[in-house]
Amino acid sequence: MLNNNLSELQNLLGYEFNNTDILTTALTHKSFALENNVAQYYERLEFLGDSIISAITCSILYERFPNLSEGELSKIKSQIVSAENISVWACLIKLGSFIL
C-alpha cells in the first residue's frame, strides 16, 4: 500500500525520487515512528528542507528583482515561505493523506 501511495505522490509532484526511503522518512510523523518502532521521522528533513526552500526562494528573488533592497526582498521571501503558504500548497496536493 505504501509503495502505491509513494508512486501517487511522485506523480502529483512530477518528480521521481531516486531513494524512496528518504521520501518515506519525510512522510513519517514522530508519533507514528514512536508507536511503530521506526527509527527515523520527518523532523530532521524538515529542518533541511526549510533551509533549502528559503535559499532557492532568495536566489530567485535576488535575480528577478535586482532593484529591491534587502529589506524588501526579505519581506517578500517571508510571505512566500510562510507556514500559511506552504500549507496551501500542501493542501492542493492533499499531502496530509500521504503522512504516516
C-alpha atoms as a PDB file:
ATOM      1  CA  MET A   1       0.000   0.000   0.000  1.00  0.00           C
ATOM      2  CA  LEU A   2       2.778   2.461   0.902  1.00  0.00           C
ATOM      3  CA  ASN A   3       4.526   1.949  -2.461  1.00  0.00           C
ATOM      4  CA  ASN A   4       1.310   2.829  -4.308  1.00  0.00           C
ATOM      5  CA  ASN A   5       0.978   5.975  -2.206  1.00  0.00           C
ATOM      6  CA  LEU A   6       4.601   6.909  -2.918  1.00  0.00           C
ATOM      7  CA  SER A   7       4.027   6.456  -6.650  1.00  0.00           C
ATOM      8  CA  GLU A   8       0.877   8.566  -6.488  1.00  0.00           C
ATOM      9  CA  LEU A   9       2.654  11.347  -4.601  1.00  0.00           C
ATOM     10  CA  GLN A  10       5.596  11.291  -7.002  1.00  0.00           C
ATOM     11  CA  ASN A  11       3.144  11.591  -9.901  1.00  0.00           C
ATOM     12  CA  LEU A  12       1.475  14.581  -8.235  1.00  0.00           C
ATOM     13  CA  LEU A  13       4.851  16.227  -7.651  1.00  0.00           C
ATOM     14  CA  GLY A  14       6.093  15.453 -11.130  1.00  0.00           C
ATOM     15  CA  TYR A  15       9.295  14.136  -9.592  1.00  0.00           C
ATOM     16  CA  GLU A  16      10.596  10.608  -9.092  1.00  0.00           C
ATOM     17  CA  PHE A  17      12.799  10.103  -6.055  1.00  0.00           C
ATOM     18  CA  ASN A  18      15.964   8.047  -6.525  1.00  0.00           C
ATOM     19  CA  ASN A  19      15.765   6.974  -2.898  1.00  0.00           C
ATOM     20  CA  THR A  20      12.185   6.411  -1.724  1.00  0.00           C
ATOM     21  CA  ASP A  21      13.457   5.657   1.793  1.00  0.00           C
ATOM     22  CA  ILE A  22      14.110   9.383   2.155  1.00  0.00           C
ATOM     23  CA  LEU A  23      10.601  10.143   0.913  1.00  0.00           C
ATOM     24  CA  THR A  24       9.150   7.649   3.399  1.00  0.00           C
ATOM     25  CA  THR A  25      11.112   9.311   6.211  1.00  0.00           C
ATOM     26  CA  ALA A  26       9.866  12.720   5.072  1.00  0.00           C
ATOM     27  CA  LEU A  27       6.284  11.437   5.312  1.00  0.00           C
ATOM     28  CA  THR A  28       6.680   9.764   8.716  1.00  0.00           C
ATOM     29  CA  HIS A  29       5.308  11.695  11.701  1.00  0.00           C
ATOM     30  CA  LYS A  30       7.101  11.375  15.024  1.00  0.00           C
ATOM     31  CA  SER A  31       4.078   9.818  16.752  1.00  0.00           C
ATOM     32  CA  PHE A  32       3.827   7.110  14.069  1.00  0.00           C
ATOM     33  CA  ALA A  33       7.552   6.420  14.375  1.00  0.00           C
ATOM     34  CA  LEU A  34       7.359   6.071  18.166  1.00  0.00           C
ATOM     35  CA  GLU A  35       4.268   3.835  18.051  1.00  0.00           C
ATOM     36  CA  ASN A  36       5.727   1.604  15.344  1.00  0.00           C
ATOM     37  CA  ASN A  37       9.368   1.490  16.462  1.00  0.00           C
ATOM     38  CA  VAL A  38      10.542   3.362  13.346  1.00  0.00           C
ATOM     39  CA  ALA A  39      13.960   4.939  13.800  1.00  0.00           C
ATOM     40  CA  GLN A  40      13.604   7.991  11.550  1.00  0.00           C
ATOM     41  CA  TYR A  41      10.888  10.559  11.020  1.00  0.00           C
ATOM     42  CA  TYR A  42      10.450  13.872   9.224  1.00  0.00           C
ATOM     43  CA  GLU A  43      11.822  16.465  11.683  1.00  0.00           C
ATOM     44  CA  ARG A  44      15.481  16.470  10.576  1.00  0.00           C
ATOM     45  CA  LEU A  45      14.454  16.564   6.914  1.00  0.00           C
ATOM     46  CA  GLU A  46      12.020  19.392   7.704  1.00  0.00           C
ATOM     47  CA  PHE A  47      14.933  21.403   9.129  1.00  0.00           C
ATOM     48  CA  LEU A  48      16.953  20.814   5.962  1.00  0.00           C
ATOM     49  CA  GLY A  49      14.023  21.375   3.606  1.00  0.00           C
ATOM     50  CA  ASP A  50      13.076  24.692   5.217  1.00  0.00           C
ATOM     51  CA  SER A  51      16.613  25.953   4.628  1.00  0.00           C
ATOM     52  CA  ILE A  52      16.686  24.730   1.031  1.00  0.00           C
ATOM     53  CA  ILE A  53      13.313  26.296   0.180  1.00  0.00           C
ATOM     54  CA  SER A  54      14.456  29.546   1.740  1.00  0.00           C
ATOM     55  CA  ALA A  55      17.776  29.541  -0.150  1.00  0.00           C
ATOM     56  CA  ILE A  56      16.145  28.790  -3.512  1.00  0.00           C
ATOM     57  CA  THR A  57      13.491  31.449  -2.928  1.00  0.00           C
ATOM     58  CA  CYS A  58      16.177  34.001  -2.011  1.00  0.00           C
ATOM     59  CA  SER A  59      18.161  33.182  -5.134  1.00  0.00           C
ATOM     60  CA  ILE A  60      15.147  33.565  -7.418  1.00  0.00           C
ATOM     61  CA  LEU A  61      14.049  36.818  -5.775  1.00  0.00           C
ATOM     62  CA  TYR A  62      17.599  38.218  -5.911  1.00  0.00           C
ATOM     63  CA  GLU A  63      17.817  37.526  -9.652  1.00  0.00           C
ATOM     64  CA  ARG A  64      14.269  38.563 -10.517  1.00  0.00           C
ATOM     65  CA  PHE A  65      14.204  41.836  -8.565  1.00  0.00           C
ATOM     66  CA  PRO A  66      17.642  43.471  -8.850  1.00  0.00           C
ATOM     67  CA  ASN A  67      16.381  46.889  -7.743  1.00  0.00           C
ATOM     68  CA  LEU A  68      14.773  45.819  -4.440  1.00  0.00           C
ATOM     69  CA  SER A  69      16.528  46.380  -1.132  1.00  0.00           C
ATOM     70  CA  GLU A  70      17.479  43.586   1.259  1.00  0.00           C
ATOM     71  CA  GLY A  71      14.543  44.507   3.475  1.00  0.00           C
ATOM     72  CA  GLU A  72      12.068  44.371   0.598  1.00  0.00           C
ATOM     73  CA  LEU A  73      13.457  41.029  -0.573  1.00  0.00           C
ATOM     74  CA  SER A  74      13.249  39.643   2.968  1.00  0.00           C
ATOM     75  CA  LYS A  75       9.622  40.695   3.294  1.00  0.00           C
ATOM     76  CA  ILE A  76       8.651  39.020   0.011  1.00  0.00           C
ATOM     77  CA  LYS A  77      10.604  35.860   0.896  1.00  0.00           C
ATOM     78  CA  SER A  78       8.889  35.662   4.292  1.00  0.00           C
ATOM     79  CA  GLN A  79       5.495  35.842   2.624  1.00  0.00           C
ATOM     80  CA  ILE A  80       6.364  33.155   0.075  1.00  0.00           C
ATOM     81  CA  VAL A  81       7.823  30.648   2.535  1.00  0.00           C
ATOM     82  CA  SER A  82       5.305  31.324   5.302  1.00  0.00           C
ATOM     83  CA  ALA A  83       3.658  28.363   7.012  1.00  0.00           C
ATOM     84  CA  GLU A  84       0.335  29.613   5.643  1.00  0.00           C
ATOM     85  CA  ASN A  85       1.532  29.496   2.016  1.00  0.00           C
ATOM     86  CA  ILE A  86       3.287  26.155   2.416  1.00  0.00           C
ATOM     87  CA  SER A  87       0.100  24.789   3.986  1.00  0.00           C
ATOM     88  CA  VAL A  88      -1.953  25.907   0.985  1.00  0.00           C
ATOM     89  CA  TRP A  89       0.443  24.144  -1.384  1.00  0.00           C
ATOM     90  CA  ALA A  90       0.350  21.006   0.773  1.00  0.00           C
ATOM     91  CA  CYS A  91      -3.457  21.040   0.716  1.00  0.00           C
ATOM     92  CA  LEU A  92      -3.505  21.413  -3.073  1.00  0.00           C
ATOM     93  CA  ILE A  93      -1.733  18.065  -3.445  1.00  0.00           C
ATOM     94  CA  LYS A  94      -3.511  16.548  -0.427  1.00  0.00           C
ATOM     95  CA  LEU A  95      -0.164  15.926   1.243  1.00  0.00           C
ATOM     96  CA  GLY A  96      -1.866  15.047   4.534  1.00  0.00           C
ATOM     97  CA  SER A  97      -3.255  11.865   3.005  1.00  0.00           C
ATOM     98  CA  PHE A  98       0.302  10.573   2.480  1.00  0.00           C
ATOM     99  CA  ILE A  99       1.548  11.190   6.042  1.00  0.00           C
ATOM    100  CA  LEU A 100       2.211   8.137   8.204  1.00  0.00           C
END
